[in-house]
Amino acid sequence: MQEIFKLLIGIGVLILAFPIGDILAKKTKEELKAGRRWFKIIIYASLVGGVVGLLIGNDILMFSFFFIALVTSQSLRRK
C-alpha cells in the first residue's frame, strides 16, 4: 500500500511539470533561444538518469530525473 502511495505522489509531481514548464518558458524566452542546444542535452541526460533510476529501483532518482526532463521539454515546446 505504501509503494502505491509513493507512486501516486510521484505521478502527481510529474503532472505538475507541465504547467511549471509553461511558466518557465514564458518567463525566460531569451534563455530558451540562446541555450536550445544545452536544453536538449539536459533532456537526454535526464531521460538516461530516469531510466537508470528505474532499473536500480530508486524511485526518488527516477522521478527527479523525469521531472527535469518534462519541465525542460515543456519549456522547449513553447516558442
PDB file of N, CA and C in Angstrom:
ATOM      1  N   MET A   1       0.821  -1.195   0.000  1.00  0.00           N
ATOM      2  CA  MET A   1       0.000   0.000   0.000  1.00  0.00           C
ATOM      3  C   MET A   1       0.869   1.264   0.000  1.00  0.00           C
ATOM      4  N   GLN A   2       1.971   1.215   0.744  1.00  0.00           N
ATOM      5  CA  GLN A   2       2.855   2.373   0.818  1.00  0.00           C
ATOM      6  C   GLN A   2       3.538   2.626  -0.524  1.00  0.00           C
ATOM      7  N   GLU A   3       3.884   1.576  -1.253  1.00  0.00           N
ATOM      8  CA  GLU A   3       4.505   1.735  -2.576  1.00  0.00           C
ATOM      9  C   GLU A   3       3.539   2.401  -3.555  1.00  0.00           C
ATOM     10  N   ILE A   4       2.290   2.010  -3.502  1.00  0.00           N
ATOM     11  CA  ILE A   4       1.283   2.613  -4.386  1.00  0.00           C
ATOM     12  C   ILE A   4       1.135   4.094  -4.069  1.00  0.00           C
ATOM     13  N   PHE A   5       1.136   4.433  -2.792  1.00  0.00           N
ATOM     14  CA  PHE A   5       1.025   5.829  -2.376  1.00  0.00           C
ATOM     15  C   PHE A   5       2.211   6.648  -2.873  1.00  0.00           C
ATOM     16  N   LYS A   6       3.421   6.093  -2.760  1.00  0.00           N
ATOM     17  CA  LYS A   6       4.619   6.791  -3.250  1.00  0.00           C
ATOM     18  C   LYS A   6       4.553   6.985  -4.762  1.00  0.00           C
ATOM     19  N   LEU A   7       4.091   5.980  -5.492  1.00  0.00           N
ATOM     20  CA  LEU A   7       3.982   6.114  -6.947  1.00  0.00           C
ATOM     21  C   LEU A   7       2.937   7.154  -7.345  1.00  0.00           C
ATOM     22  N   LEU A   8       1.825   7.198  -6.625  1.00  0.00           N
ATOM     23  CA  LEU A   8       0.797   8.205  -6.929  1.00  0.00           C
ATOM     24  C   LEU A   8       1.308   9.622  -6.672  1.00  0.00           C
ATOM     25  N   ILE A   9       2.062   9.797  -5.603  1.00  0.00           N
ATOM     26  CA  ILE A   9       2.651  11.116  -5.327  1.00  0.00           C
ATOM     27  C   ILE A   9       3.645  11.477  -6.431  1.00  0.00           C
ATOM     28  N   GLY A  10       4.476  10.525  -6.840  1.00  0.00           N
ATOM     29  CA  GLY A  10       5.444  10.775  -7.917  1.00  0.00           C
ATOM     30  C   GLY A  10       4.774  11.137  -9.222  1.00  0.00           C
ATOM     31  N   ILE A  11       3.703  10.437  -9.546  1.00  0.00           N
ATOM     32  CA  ILE A  11       2.970  10.739 -10.783  1.00  0.00           C
ATOM     33  C   ILE A  11       2.329  12.123 -10.694  1.00  0.00           C
ATOM     34  N   GLY A  12       1.815  12.456  -9.520  1.00  0.00           N
ATOM     35  CA  GLY A  12       1.239  13.793  -9.331  1.00  0.00           C
ATOM     36  C   GLY A  12       2.268  14.897  -9.521  1.00  0.00           C
ATOM     37  N   VAL A  13       3.458  14.675  -9.015  1.00  0.00           N
ATOM     38  CA  VAL A  13       4.533  15.664  -9.191  1.00  0.00           C
ATOM     39  C   VAL A  13       4.926  15.758 -10.661  1.00  0.00           C
ATOM     40  N   LEU A  14       4.965  14.629 -11.353  1.00  0.00           N
ATOM     41  CA  LEU A  14       5.292  14.662 -12.785  1.00  0.00           C
ATOM     42  C   LEU A  14       4.235  15.419 -13.582  1.00  0.00           C
ATOM     43  N   ILE A  15       2.990  15.299 -13.193  1.00  0.00           N
ATOM     44  CA  ILE A  15       1.926  16.045 -13.877  1.00  0.00           C
ATOM     45  C   ILE A  15       2.116  17.549 -13.667  1.00  0.00           C
ATOM     46  N   LEU A  16       2.606  17.942 -12.490  1.00  0.00           N
ATOM     47  CA  LEU A  16       2.869  19.361 -12.224  1.00  0.00           C
ATOM     48  C   LEU A  16       4.006  19.919 -13.072  1.00  0.00           C
ATOM     49  N   ALA A  17       4.809  19.047 -13.671  1.00  0.00           N
ATOM     50  CA  ALA A  17       5.929  19.513 -14.503  1.00  0.00           C
ATOM     51  C   ALA A  17       5.434  20.253 -15.740  1.00  0.00           C
ATOM     52  N   PHE A  18       4.267  19.906 -16.243  1.00  0.00           N
ATOM     53  CA  PHE A  18       3.758  20.559 -17.453  1.00  0.00           C
ATOM     54  C   PHE A  18       3.443  22.041 -17.236  1.00  0.00           C
ATOM     55  N   PRO A  19       2.650  22.414 -16.218  1.00  0.00           N
ATOM     56  CA  PRO A  19       2.432  23.860 -16.029  1.00  0.00           C
ATOM     57  C   PRO A  19       3.695  24.600 -15.591  1.00  0.00           C
ATOM     58  N   ILE A  20       4.566  23.941 -14.841  1.00  0.00           N
ATOM     59  CA  ILE A  20       5.812  24.596 -14.430  1.00  0.00           C
ATOM     60  C   ILE A  20       6.673  24.896 -15.651  1.00  0.00           C
ATOM     61  N   GLY A  21       6.743  23.952 -16.594  1.00  0.00           N
ATOM     62  CA  GLY A  21       7.493  24.183 -17.835  1.00  0.00           C
ATOM     63  C   GLY A  21       6.913  25.335 -18.636  1.00  0.00           C
ATOM     64  N   ASP A  22       5.593  25.435 -18.674  1.00  0.00           N
ATOM     65  CA  ASP A  22       4.957  26.553 -19.384  1.00  0.00           C
ATOM     66  C   ASP A  22       5.303  27.892 -18.742  1.00  0.00           C
ATOM     67  N   ILE A  23       5.253  27.932 -17.427  1.00  0.00           N
ATOM     68  CA  ILE A  23       5.568  29.177 -16.716  1.00  0.00           C
ATOM     69  C   ILE A  23       7.021  29.581 -16.964  1.00  0.00           C
ATOM     70  N   LEU A  24       7.932  28.622 -16.872  1.00  0.00           N
ATOM     71  CA  LEU A  24       9.342  28.936 -17.119  1.00  0.00           C
ATOM     72  C   LEU A  24       9.574  29.398 -18.555  1.00  0.00           C
ATOM     73  N   ALA A  25       8.868  28.805 -19.501  1.00  0.00           N
ATOM     74  CA  ALA A  25       9.033  29.211 -20.899  1.00  0.00           C
ATOM     75  C   ALA A  25       8.589  30.663 -21.107  1.00  0.00           C
ATOM     76  N   LYS A  26       7.514  31.054 -20.431  1.00  0.00           N
ATOM     77  CA  LYS A  26       7.036  32.427 -20.573  1.00  0.00           C
ATOM     78  C   LYS A  26       7.982  33.433 -19.921  1.00  0.00           C
ATOM     79  N   LYS A  27       8.591  33.056 -18.818  1.00  0.00           N
ATOM     80  CA  LYS A  27       9.444  33.969 -18.064  1.00  0.00           C
ATOM     81  C   LYS A  27      10.863  34.067 -18.614  1.00  0.00           C
ATOM     82  N   THR A  28      11.330  33.060 -19.345  1.00  0.00           N
ATOM     83  CA  THR A  28      12.737  33.020 -19.768  1.00  0.00           C
ATOM     84  C   THR A  28      12.868  32.803 -21.273  1.00  0.00           C
ATOM     85  N   LYS A  29      12.223  33.625 -22.050  1.00  0.00           N
ATOM     86  CA  LYS A  29      12.252  33.463 -23.506  1.00  0.00           C
ATOM     87  C   LYS A  29      13.651  33.667 -24.087  1.00  0.00           C
ATOM     88  N   GLU A  30      14.421  34.604 -23.533  1.00  0.00           N
ATOM     89  CA  GLU A  30      15.755  34.878 -24.076  1.00  0.00           C
ATOM     90  C   GLU A  30      16.689  33.693 -23.869  1.00  0.00           C
ATOM     91  N   GLU A  31      16.614  33.089 -22.695  1.00  0.00           N
ATOM     92  CA  GLU A  31      17.496  31.958 -22.391  1.00  0.00           C
ATOM     93  C   GLU A  31      17.161  30.745 -23.252  1.00  0.00           C
ATOM     94  N   LEU A  32      15.896  30.576 -23.564  1.00  0.00           N
ATOM     95  CA  LEU A  32      15.494  29.432 -24.380  1.00  0.00           C
ATOM     96  C   LEU A  32      16.061  29.527 -25.793  1.00  0.00           C
ATOM     97  N   LYS A  33      16.125  30.738 -26.327  1.00  0.00           N
ATOM     98  CA  LYS A  33      16.672  30.906 -27.676  1.00  0.00           C
ATOM     99  C   LYS A  33      18.166  30.636 -27.699  1.00  0.00           C
ATOM    100  N   ALA A  34      18.867  31.170 -26.725  1.00  0.00           N
ATOM    101  CA  ALA A  34      20.323  31.045 -26.709  1.00  0.00           C
ATOM    102  C   ALA A  34      20.795  29.654 -26.301  1.00  0.00           C
ATOM    103  N   GLY A  35      20.051  28.975 -25.437  1.00  0.00           N
ATOM    104  CA  GLY A  35      20.534  27.708 -24.905  1.00  0.00           C
ATOM    105  C   GLY A  35      19.794  26.486 -25.384  1.00  0.00           C
ATOM    106  N   ARG A  36      19.202  26.563 -26.568  1.00  0.00           N
ATOM    107  CA  ARG A  36      18.391  25.454 -27.088  1.00  0.00           C
ATOM    108  C   ARG A  36      19.185  24.144 -27.125  1.00  0.00           C
ATOM    109  N   ARG A  37      20.427  24.220 -27.555  1.00  0.00           N
ATOM    110  CA  ARG A  37      21.265  23.015 -27.656  1.00  0.00           C
ATOM    111  C   ARG A  37      21.491  22.405 -26.277  1.00  0.00           C
ATOM    112  N   TRP A  38      21.744  23.246 -25.294  1.00  0.00           N
ATOM    113  CA  TRP A  38      22.011  22.756 -23.942  1.00  0.00           C
ATOM    114  C   TRP A  38      20.767  22.176 -23.297  1.00  0.00           C
ATOM    115  N   PHE A  39      19.621  22.748 -23.602  1.00  0.00           N
ATOM    116  CA  PHE A  39      18.383  22.201 -23.065  1.00  0.00           C
ATOM    117  C   PHE A  39      18.127  20.800 -23.617  1.00  0.00           C
ATOM    118  N   LYS A  40      18.450  20.580 -24.877  1.00  0.00           N
ATOM    119  CA  LYS A  40      18.294  19.238 -25.444  1.00  0.00           C
ATOM    120  C   LYS A  40      19.234  18.247 -24.771  1.00  0.00           C
ATOM    121  N   ILE A  41      20.447  18.670 -24.479  1.00  0.00           N
ATOM    122  CA  ILE A  41      21.395  17.801 -23.770  1.00  0.00           C
ATOM    123  C   ILE A  41      20.867  17.471 -22.371  1.00  0.00           C
ATOM    124  N   ILE A  42      20.282  18.460 -21.703  1.00  0.00           N
ATOM    125  CA  ILE A  42      19.700  18.225 -20.381  1.00  0.00           C
ATOM    126  C   ILE A  42      18.564  17.218 -20.465  1.00  0.00           C
ATOM    127  N   ILE A  43      17.740  17.319 -21.494  1.00  0.00           N
ATOM    128  CA  ILE A  43      16.625  16.379 -21.659  1.00  0.00           C
ATOM    129  C   ILE A  43      17.145  14.960 -21.835  1.00  0.00           C
ATOM    130  N   TYR A  44      18.110  14.769 -22.723  1.00  0.00           N
ATOM    131  CA  TYR A  44      18.634  13.423 -22.955  1.00  0.00           C
ATOM    132  C   TYR A  44      19.314  12.861 -21.711  1.00  0.00           C
ATOM    133  N   ALA A  45      20.103  13.684 -21.030  1.00  0.00           N
ATOM    134  CA  ALA A  45      20.789  13.221 -19.817  1.00  0.00           C
ATOM    135  C   ALA A  45      19.769  12.868 -18.727  1.00  0.00           C
ATOM    136  N   SER A  46      18.701  13.648 -18.617  1.00  0.00           N
ATOM    137  CA  SER A  46      17.677  13.366 -17.619  1.00  0.00           C
ATOM    138  C   SER A  46      16.908  12.089 -17.938  1.00  0.00           C
ATOM    139  N   LEU A  47      16.651  11.854 -19.206  1.00  0.00           N
ATOM    140  CA  LEU A  47      15.974  10.611 -19.582  1.00  0.00           C
ATOM    141  C   LEU A  47      16.842   9.396 -19.268  1.00  0.00           C
ATOM    142  N   VAL A  48      18.133   9.503 -19.541  1.00  0.00           N
ATOM    143  CA  VAL A  48      19.052   8.404 -19.207  1.00  0.00           C
ATOM    144  C   VAL A  48      19.079   8.201 -17.695  1.00  0.00           C
ATOM    145  N   GLY A  49      19.164   9.279 -16.935  1.00  0.00           N
ATOM    146  CA  GLY A  49      19.157   9.179 -15.482  1.00  0.00           C
ATOM    147  C   GLY A  49      17.868   8.591 -14.945  1.00  0.00           C
ATOM    148  N   GLY A  50      16.739   8.934 -15.551  1.00  0.00           N
ATOM    149  CA  GLY A  50      15.457   8.372 -15.136  1.00  0.00           C
ATOM    150  C   GLY A  50      15.372   6.877 -15.395  1.00  0.00           C
ATOM    151  N   VAL A  51      15.890   6.443 -16.533  1.00  0.00           N
ATOM    152  CA  VAL A  51      15.899   5.016 -16.844  1.00  0.00           C
ATOM    153  C   VAL A  51      16.824   4.264 -15.890  1.00  0.00           C
ATOM    154  N   VAL A  52      17.960   4.865 -15.568  1.00  0.00           N
ATOM    155  CA  VAL A  52      18.871   4.238 -14.606  1.00  0.00           C
ATOM    156  C   VAL A  52      18.187   4.125 -13.241  1.00  0.00           C
ATOM    157  N   GLY A  53      17.492   5.154 -12.828  1.00  0.00           N
ATOM    158  CA  GLY A  53      16.749   5.112 -11.570  1.00  0.00           C
ATOM    159  C   GLY A  53      15.676   4.043 -11.582  1.00  0.00           C
ATOM    160  N   LEU A  54      15.039   3.849 -12.724  1.00  0.00           N
ATOM    161  CA  LEU A  54      14.039   2.793 -12.869  1.00  0.00           C
ATOM    162  C   LEU A  54      14.678   1.416 -12.766  1.00  0.00           C
ATOM    163  N   LEU A  55      15.821   1.251 -13.420  1.00  0.00           N
ATOM    164  CA  LEU A  55      16.486  -0.054 -13.425  1.00  0.00           C
ATOM    165  C   LEU A  55      17.036  -0.443 -12.052  1.00  0.00           C
ATOM    166  N   ILE A  56      17.537   0.528 -11.306  1.00  0.00           N
ATOM    167  CA  ILE A  56      18.082   0.189  -9.992  1.00  0.00           C
ATOM    168  C   ILE A  56      17.017   0.235  -8.900  1.00  0.00           C
ATOM    169  N   GLY A  57      15.821   0.662  -9.237  1.00  0.00           N
ATOM    170  CA  GLY A  57      14.721   0.658  -8.283  1.00  0.00           C
ATOM    171  C   GLY A  57      14.701   1.825  -7.322  1.00  0.00           C
ATOM    172  N   ASN A  58      15.322   2.919  -7.699  1.00  0.00           N
ATOM    173  CA  ASN A  58      15.346   4.116  -6.860  1.00  0.00           C
ATOM    174  C   ASN A  58      14.280   5.079  -7.379  1.00  0.00           C
ATOM    175  N   ASP A  59      13.137   5.102  -6.700  1.00  0.00           N
ATOM    176  CA  ASP A  59      12.006   5.911  -7.157  1.00  0.00           C
ATOM    177  C   ASP A  59      12.303   7.406  -7.128  1.00  0.00           C
ATOM    178  N   ILE A  60      12.977   7.865  -6.090  1.00  0.00           N
ATOM    179  CA  ILE A  60      13.258   9.299  -5.970  1.00  0.00           C
ATOM    180  C   ILE A  60      14.157   9.760  -7.114  1.00  0.00           C
ATOM    181  N   LEU A  61      15.183   8.988  -7.415  1.00  0.00           N
ATOM    182  CA  LEU A  61      16.082   9.320  -8.520  1.00  0.00           C
ATOM    183  C   LEU A  61      15.329   9.322  -9.846  1.00  0.00           C
ATOM    184  N   MET A  62      14.514   8.305 -10.058  1.00  0.00           N
ATOM    185  CA  MET A  62      13.757   8.185 -11.299  1.00  0.00           C
ATOM    186  C   MET A  62      12.808   9.373 -11.490  1.00  0.00           C
ATOM    187  N   PHE A  63      11.998   9.663 -10.469  1.00  0.00           N
ATOM    188  CA  PHE A  63      11.037  10.758 -10.601  1.00  0.00           C
ATOM    189  C   PHE A  63      11.727  12.111 -10.708  1.00  0.00           C
ATOM    190  N   SER A  64      12.846  12.292 -10.044  1.00  0.00           N
ATOM    191  CA  SER A  64      13.567  13.564 -10.138  1.00  0.00           C
ATOM    192  C   SER A  64      14.075  13.812 -11.552  1.00  0.00           C
ATOM    193  N   PHE A  65      14.705  12.803 -12.129  1.00  0.00           N
ATOM    194  CA  PHE A  65      15.219  12.967 -13.493  1.00  0.00           C
ATOM    195  C   PHE A  65      14.089  13.127 -14.509  1.00  0.00           C
ATOM    196  N   PHE A  66      13.017  12.357 -14.353  1.00  0.00           N
ATOM    197  CA  PHE A  66      11.904  12.506 -15.291  1.00  0.00           C
ATOM    198  C   PHE A  66      11.221  13.867 -15.136  1.00  0.00           C
ATOM    199  N   PHE A  67      11.176  14.398 -13.914  1.00  0.00           N
ATOM    200  CA  PHE A  67      10.628  15.729 -13.699  1.00  0.00           C
ATOM    201  C   PHE A  67      11.456  16.778 -14.440  1.00  0.00           C
ATOM    202  N   ILE A  68      12.775  16.683 -14.313  1.00  0.00           N
ATOM    203  CA  ILE A  68      13.661  17.619 -15.012  1.00  0.00           C
ATOM    204  C   ILE A  68      13.466  17.512 -16.521  1.00  0.00           C
ATOM    205  N   ALA A  69      13.371  16.288 -17.029  1.00  0.00           N
ATOM    206  CA  ALA A  69      13.181  16.092 -18.469  1.00  0.00           C
ATOM    207  C   ALA A  69      11.851  16.679 -18.932  1.00  0.00           C
ATOM    208  N   LEU A  70      10.790  16.488 -18.164  1.00  0.00           N
ATOM    209  CA  LEU A  70       9.479  17.012 -18.565  1.00  0.00           C
ATOM    210  C   LEU A  70       9.436  18.531 -18.526  1.00  0.00           C
ATOM    211  N   VAL A  71       9.981  19.130 -17.471  1.00  0.00           N
ATOM    212  CA  VAL A  71       9.980  20.601 -17.377  1.00  0.00           C
ATOM    213  C   VAL A  71      10.779  21.200 -18.524  1.00  0.00           C
ATOM    214  N   THR A  72      11.940  20.641 -18.805  1.00  0.00           N
ATOM    215  CA  THR A  72      12.793  21.176 -19.863  1.00  0.00           C
ATOM    216  C   THR A  72      12.160  20.982 -21.233  1.00  0.00           C
ATOM    217  N   SER A  73      11.590  19.813 -21.481  1.00  0.00           N
ATOM    218  CA  SER A  73      10.975  19.582 -22.794  1.00  0.00           C
ATOM    219  C   SER A  73       9.730  20.440 -22.973  1.00  0.00           C
ATOM    220  N   GLN A  74       8.984  20.651 -21.903  1.00  0.00           N
ATOM    221  CA  GLN A  74       7.811  21.512 -21.990  1.00  0.00           C
ATOM    222  C   GLN A  74       8.230  22.956 -22.259  1.00  0.00           C
ATOM    223  N   SER A  75       9.334  23.384 -21.676  1.00  0.00           N
ATOM    224  CA  SER A  75       9.823  24.736 -21.921  1.00  0.00           C
ATOM    225  C   SER A  75      10.253  24.896 -23.378  1.00  0.00           C
ATOM    226  N   LEU A  76      10.901  23.879 -23.928  1.00  0.00           N
ATOM    227  CA  LEU A  76      11.351  23.963 -25.320  1.00  0.00           C
ATOM    228  C   LEU A  76      10.187  23.893 -26.305  1.00  0.00           C
ATOM    229  N   ARG A  77       9.147  23.208 -25.907  1.00  0.00           N
ATOM    230  CA  ARG A  77       7.996  23.066 -26.788  1.00  0.00           C
ATOM    231  C   ARG A  77       7.303  24.400 -27.014  1.00  0.00           C
ATOM    232  N   ARG A  78       7.321  25.234 -26.002  1.00  0.00           N
ATOM    233  CA  ARG A  78       6.732  26.582 -26.105  1.00  0.00           C
ATOM    234  C   ARG A  78       7.698  27.490 -26.840  1.00  0.00           C
ATOM    235  N   LYS A  79       7.196  28.257 -27.768  1.00  0.00           N
ATOM    236  CA  LYS A  79       8.060  29.191 -28.524  1.00  0.00           C
ATOM    237  C   LYS A  79       7.605  30.619 -28.323  1.00  0.00           C
TER     238      LYS A  79
END
